[in-house]
C-alpha atoms as a PDB file:
ATOM      1  CA  MET A   1      32.388 -69.452  13.904  1.00  0.00           C
ATOM      2  CA  LYS A   2      33.799 -65.555  13.185  1.00  0.00           C
ATOM      3  CA  THR A   3      33.244 -65.510   9.192  1.00  0.00           C
ATOM      4  CA  PHE A   4      29.532 -66.983  10.162  1.00  0.00           C
ATOM      5  CA  LYS A   5      28.667 -63.927  12.333  1.00  0.00           C
ATOM      6  CA  LYS A   6      30.059 -61.446   9.986  1.00  0.00           C
ATOM      7  CA  ILE A   7      27.746 -63.132   6.988  1.00  0.00           C
ATOM      8  CA  ILE A   8      24.450 -62.996   9.538  1.00  0.00           C
ATOM      9  CA  PHE A   9      25.839 -59.570  10.328  1.00  0.00           C
ATOM     10  CA  TRP A  10      25.833 -58.278   6.672  1.00  0.00           C
ATOM     11  CA  VAL A  11      22.917 -60.044   5.978  1.00  0.00           C
ATOM     12  CA  LEU A  12      20.995 -58.719   8.652  1.00  0.00           C
ATOM     13  CA  VAL A  13      22.181 -54.686   7.789  1.00  0.00           C
ATOM     14  CA  SER A  14      21.409 -55.497   4.334  1.00  0.00           C
ATOM     15  CA  PHE A  15      17.996 -56.652   5.132  1.00  0.00           C
ATOM     16  CA  ALA A  16      17.392 -53.546   7.637  1.00  0.00           C
ATOM     17  CA  LEU A  17      18.652 -51.147   4.391  1.00  0.00           C
ATOM     18  CA  ILE A  18      16.380 -52.240   1.467  1.00  0.00           C
ATOM     19  CA  GLN A  19      13.374 -51.859   3.516  1.00  0.00           C
ATOM     20  CA  PHE A  20      14.365 -48.138   2.409  1.00  0.00           C
ATOM     21  CA  VAL A  21      13.924 -49.258  -1.287  1.00  0.00           C
ATOM     22  CA  PRO A  22      10.550 -47.506  -1.724  1.00  0.00           C
ATOM     23  CA  THR A  23       7.595 -48.841  -4.012  1.00  0.00           C
ATOM     24  CA  ASP A  24       4.848 -46.988  -4.895  1.00  0.00           C
ATOM     25  CA  LYS A  25       1.509 -48.839  -4.022  1.00  0.00           C
ATOM     26  CA  THR A  26      -0.893 -45.599  -4.260  1.00  0.00           C
ATOM     27  CA  ASN A  27      -3.968 -46.387  -6.165  1.00  0.00           C
ATOM     28  CA  LYS A  28      -4.871 -44.404  -9.311  1.00  0.00           C
ATOM     29  CA  PRO A  29      -8.458 -42.823  -8.699  1.00  0.00           C
ATOM     30  CA  ILE A  30     -11.236 -44.384 -10.005  1.00  0.00           C
ATOM     31  CA  ASP A  31     -13.422 -43.226 -12.932  1.00  0.00           C
ATOM     32  CA  LYS A  32     -16.871 -45.092 -12.809  1.00  0.00           C
ATOM     33  CA  LYS A  33     -17.000 -44.159 -16.429  1.00  0.00           C
ATOM     34  CA  VAL A  34     -14.324 -46.393 -17.420  1.00  0.00           C
ATOM     35  CA  ASN A  35     -14.587 -48.820 -14.873  1.00  0.00           C
ATOM     36  CA  PHE A  36     -15.572 -52.527 -15.729  1.00  0.00           C
ATOM     37  CA  ILE A  37     -18.252 -52.807 -13.137  1.00  0.00           C
ATOM     38  CA  ASP A  38     -19.923 -49.570 -13.337  1.00  0.00           C
ATOM     39  CA  VAL A  39     -20.135 -49.695 -17.365  1.00  0.00           C
ATOM     40  CA  LYS A  40     -21.351 -53.010 -17.490  1.00  0.00           C
ATOM     41  CA  LYS A  41     -23.726 -52.746 -14.176  1.00  0.00           C
ATOM     42  CA  SER A  42     -22.451 -56.245 -13.107  1.00  0.00           C
ATOM     43  CA  PRO A  43     -24.828 -58.345 -10.849  1.00  0.00           C
ATOM     44  CA  PRO A  44     -23.387 -58.488  -7.130  1.00  0.00           C
ATOM     45  CA  LYS A  45     -22.296 -62.142  -7.235  1.00  0.00           C
ATOM     46  CA  VAL A  46     -19.941 -61.006 -10.308  1.00  0.00           C
ATOM     47  CA  VAL A  47     -18.813 -57.780  -8.471  1.00  0.00           C
ATOM     48  CA  THR A  48     -17.812 -59.957  -5.516  1.00  0.00           C
ATOM     49  CA  LEU A  49     -16.029 -62.704  -7.150  1.00  0.00           C
ATOM     50  CA  LEU A  50     -14.231 -60.212  -9.350  1.00  0.00           C
ATOM     51  CA  LYS A  51     -13.569 -58.087  -6.228  1.00  0.00           C
ATOM     52  CA  ASN A  52     -12.182 -61.228  -4.259  1.00  0.00           C
ATOM     53  CA  ALA A  53     -10.108 -63.064  -7.017  1.00  0.00           C
ATOM     54  CA  CYS A  54      -9.370 -60.170  -9.587  1.00  0.00           C
ATOM     55  CA  TYR A  55      -9.079 -56.798  -8.672  1.00  0.00           C
ATOM     56  CA  ASP A  56      -6.128 -56.959  -6.383  1.00  0.00           C
ATOM     57  CA  CYS A  57      -3.941 -57.212  -9.400  1.00  0.00           C
ATOM     58  CA  HIS A  58      -6.132 -56.421 -11.997  1.00  0.00           C
ATOM     59  CA  SER A  59      -7.336 -52.725 -11.236  1.00  0.00           C
ATOM     60  CA  ASN A  60      -6.507 -49.461  -9.490  1.00  0.00           C
ATOM     61  CA  GLU A  61      -8.380 -50.559  -6.306  1.00  0.00           C
ATOM     62  CA  THR A  62      -5.501 -53.015  -4.920  1.00  0.00           C
ATOM     63  CA  VAL A  63      -5.606 -53.529  -1.570  1.00  0.00           C
ATOM     64  CA  TYR A  64      -2.128 -54.677  -0.633  1.00  0.00           C
ATOM     65  CA  PRO A  65      -1.378 -56.800   2.127  1.00  0.00           C
ATOM     66  CA  LYS A  66       0.802 -56.252   5.442  1.00  0.00           C
ATOM     67  CA  TYR A  67       3.730 -58.593   3.748  1.00  0.00           C
ATOM     68  CA  ALA A  68       3.684 -55.907   0.387  1.00  0.00           C
ATOM     69  CA  TYR A  69       5.197 -53.762   2.876  1.00  0.00           C
ATOM     70  CA  ILE A  70       8.634 -55.730   3.713  1.00  0.00           C
ATOM     71  CA  ALA A  71      10.916 -55.616   1.071  1.00  0.00           C
ATOM     72  CA  PRO A  72      12.427 -57.797  -1.238  1.00  0.00           C
ATOM     73  CA  PHE A  73       8.253 -59.138  -0.891  1.00  0.00           C
ATOM     74  CA  SER A  74       7.129 -55.375  -1.608  1.00  0.00           C
ATOM     75  CA  TRP A  75       9.259 -55.736  -4.860  1.00  0.00           C
ATOM     76  CA  SER A  76       7.379 -58.947  -6.017  1.00  0.00           C
ATOM     77  CA  VAL A  77       3.832 -57.856  -4.964  1.00  0.00           C
ATOM     78  CA  LYS A  78       4.493 -55.191  -6.867  1.00  0.00           C
ATOM     79  CA  ASP A  79       5.786 -56.304 -10.098  1.00  0.00           C
ATOM     80  CA  HIS A  80       2.678 -58.926 -10.124  1.00  0.00           C
ATOM     81  CA  VAL A  81       0.055 -55.754  -9.725  1.00  0.00           C
ATOM     82  CA  ASN A  82       1.901 -53.964 -12.486  1.00  0.00           C
ATOM     83  CA  GLU A  83       1.974 -57.195 -14.714  1.00  0.00           C
ATOM     84  CA  GLY A  84      -1.368 -57.991 -14.214  1.00  0.00           C
ATOM     85  CA  ARG A  85      -2.536 -54.205 -14.592  1.00  0.00           C
ATOM     86  CA  GLU A  86      -0.541 -54.742 -17.724  1.00  0.00           C
ATOM     87  CA  HIS A  87      -2.687 -57.317 -19.321  1.00  0.00           C
ATOM     88  CA  LEU A  88      -5.844 -56.070 -17.960  1.00  0.00           C
ATOM     89  CA  ASN A  89      -7.197 -53.351 -15.812  1.00  0.00           C
ATOM     90  CA  PHE A  90     -10.707 -53.487 -14.941  1.00  0.00           C
ATOM     91  CA  SER A  91     -10.424 -49.729 -13.684  1.00  0.00           C
ATOM     92  CA  LEU A  92     -10.157 -48.662 -17.317  1.00  0.00           C
ATOM     93  CA  TRP A  93     -12.107 -50.789 -19.382  1.00  0.00           C
ATOM     94  CA  ASN A  94     -13.897 -48.047 -21.300  1.00  0.00           C
ATOM     95  CA  SER A  95     -10.420 -46.842 -22.307  1.00  0.00           C
ATOM     96  CA  TYR A  96      -9.946 -49.898 -24.243  1.00  0.00           C
ATOM     97  CA  ASN A  97     -10.916 -50.452 -28.363  1.00  0.00           C
ATOM     98  CA  LYS A  98     -13.568 -53.019 -28.811  1.00  0.00           C
ATOM     99  CA  ASP A  99     -10.813 -55.460 -30.749  1.00  0.00           C
ATOM    100  CA  LEU A 100      -8.847 -55.404 -27.059  1.00  0.00           C
ATOM    101  CA  LYS A 101     -12.114 -55.807 -25.102  1.00  0.00           C
ATOM    102  CA  GLU A 102     -12.785 -59.191 -27.137  1.00  0.00           C
ATOM    103  CA  SER A 103      -9.277 -60.480 -26.647  1.00  0.00           C
ATOM    104  CA  MET A 104      -8.794 -59.743 -22.551  1.00  0.00           C
ATOM    105  CA  LEU A 105     -12.599 -61.561 -22.497  1.00  0.00           C
ATOM    106  CA  THR A 106     -11.312 -64.265 -24.412  1.00  0.00           C
ATOM    107  CA  LYS A 107      -8.432 -64.403 -22.631  1.00  0.00           C
ATOM    108  CA  THR A 108     -10.003 -64.426 -19.124  1.00  0.00           C
ATOM    109  CA  VAL A 109     -12.304 -67.147 -19.871  1.00  0.00           C
ATOM    110  CA  GLN A 110      -9.840 -69.381 -20.732  1.00  0.00           C
ATOM    111  CA  THR A 111      -7.743 -68.256 -17.959  1.00  0.00           C
ATOM    112  CA  LEU A 112     -10.609 -69.072 -15.396  1.00  0.00           C
ATOM    113  CA  GLU A 113     -11.444 -72.100 -17.313  1.00  0.00           C
ATOM    114  CA  ASN A 114      -7.788 -73.206 -17.134  1.00  0.00           C
ATOM    115  CA  LYS A 115      -7.702 -72.428 -13.645  1.00  0.00           C
ATOM    116  CA  SER A 116      -4.353 -70.393 -14.192  1.00  0.00           C
ATOM    117  CA  MET A 117      -5.466 -67.488 -12.206  1.00  0.00           C
ATOM    118  CA  PRO A 118      -5.170 -66.270  -9.821  1.00  0.00           C
ATOM    119  CA  LEU A 119      -2.268 -67.556  -8.702  1.00  0.00           C
ATOM    120  CA  PRO A 120      -1.717 -70.026  -6.502  1.00  0.00           C
ATOM    121  CA  ALA A 121       0.413 -67.645  -4.118  1.00  0.00           C
ATOM    122  CA  TYR A 122      -2.034 -65.271  -4.110  1.00  0.00           C
ATOM    123  CA  ILE A 123      -4.739 -67.879  -3.258  1.00  0.00           C
ATOM    124  CA  ILE A 124      -2.536 -68.724  -0.002  1.00  0.00           C
ATOM    125  CA  TYR A 125      -2.866 -65.762   1.384  1.00  0.00           C
ATOM    126  CA  HIS A 126      -6.385 -64.775   0.152  1.00  0.00           C
ATOM    127  CA  GLU A 127      -8.934 -67.521   1.216  1.00  0.00           C
ATOM    128  CA  ASP A 128     -11.544 -65.848  -0.900  1.00  0.00           C
ATOM    129  CA  ALA A 129      -9.784 -65.613  -4.248  1.00  0.00           C
ATOM    130  CA  ASN A 130     -10.185 -69.195  -4.080  1.00  0.00           C
ATOM    131  CA  LEU A 131     -12.566 -70.024  -6.543  1.00  0.00           C
ATOM    132  CA  THR A 132     -14.654 -72.703  -6.817  1.00  0.00           C
ATOM    133  CA  ASP A 133     -15.460 -74.572  -9.907  1.00  0.00           C
ATOM    134  CA  VAL A 134     -18.980 -72.905  -9.628  1.00  0.00           C
ATOM    135  CA  GLU A 135     -17.585 -69.862  -9.168  1.00  0.00           C
ATOM    136  CA  ARG A 136     -15.129 -69.984 -11.839  1.00  0.00           C
ATOM    137  CA  GLY A 137     -18.697 -70.940 -13.736  1.00  0.00           C
ATOM    138  CA  VAL A 138     -20.273 -67.726 -12.987  1.00  0.00           C
ATOM    139  CA  LEU A 139     -17.992 -65.092 -14.004  1.00  0.00           C
ATOM    140  CA  SER A 140     -16.538 -67.446 -17.364  1.00  0.00           C
ATOM    141  CA  ASN A 141     -20.417 -67.534 -18.277  1.00  0.00           C
ATOM    142  CA  TYR A 142     -20.697 -63.842 -17.568  1.00  0.00           C
ATOM    143  CA  PHE A 143     -18.079 -62.968 -19.966  1.00  0.00           C
ATOM    144  CA  LYS A 144     -19.283 -65.122 -22.330  1.00  0.00           C
ATOM    145  CA  GLU A 145     -22.244 -63.290 -22.489  1.00  0.00           C
ATOM    146  CA  ILE A 146     -20.815 -60.277 -22.831  1.00  0.00           C
ATOM    147  CA  LEU A 147     -18.710 -61.675 -25.988  1.00  0.00           C
ATOM    148  CA  LYS A 148     -21.866 -63.469 -27.283  1.00  0.00           C
ATOM    149  CA  SER A 149     -23.689 -60.129 -27.349  1.00  0.00           C
ATOM    150  CA  LYS A 150     -20.428 -57.969 -28.550  1.00  0.00           C
ATOM    151  CA  SER A 151     -21.550 -55.236 -25.357  1.00  0.00           C
ATOM    152  CA  TYR A 152     -18.062 -55.026 -24.782  1.00  0.00           C
END
């Protein structure tokens, strides 16, 4: 029993200490000249869907939930945000070249249609991100129109 108490003690001490390992949750300023929804003058419905389901991981407008301030969850959330921004950052849209924009839009349509995004773990805590088939269609069709018109 004494060993068990020591283990619990050190687990709690370790948990308390890791709270002091910082994760940077600072968002970079938004430049409307390169931000997707501003550049594309996206319709309000599309803006709402993008902000609810995509922008937390795929923009510099991340709204971190309360659990993102508790280690080790904070590390996981920050890692997901960083990875999402690497694949596509709507806040930097107009800084991408034409080929990259076309590739990102194509992959985004595929991702929407095969329902691999938003991630299931994200949907659990963000009900608005749980897109219906109709909402997925709205976004998918919007991106397809941009692809078709080549107005990336």
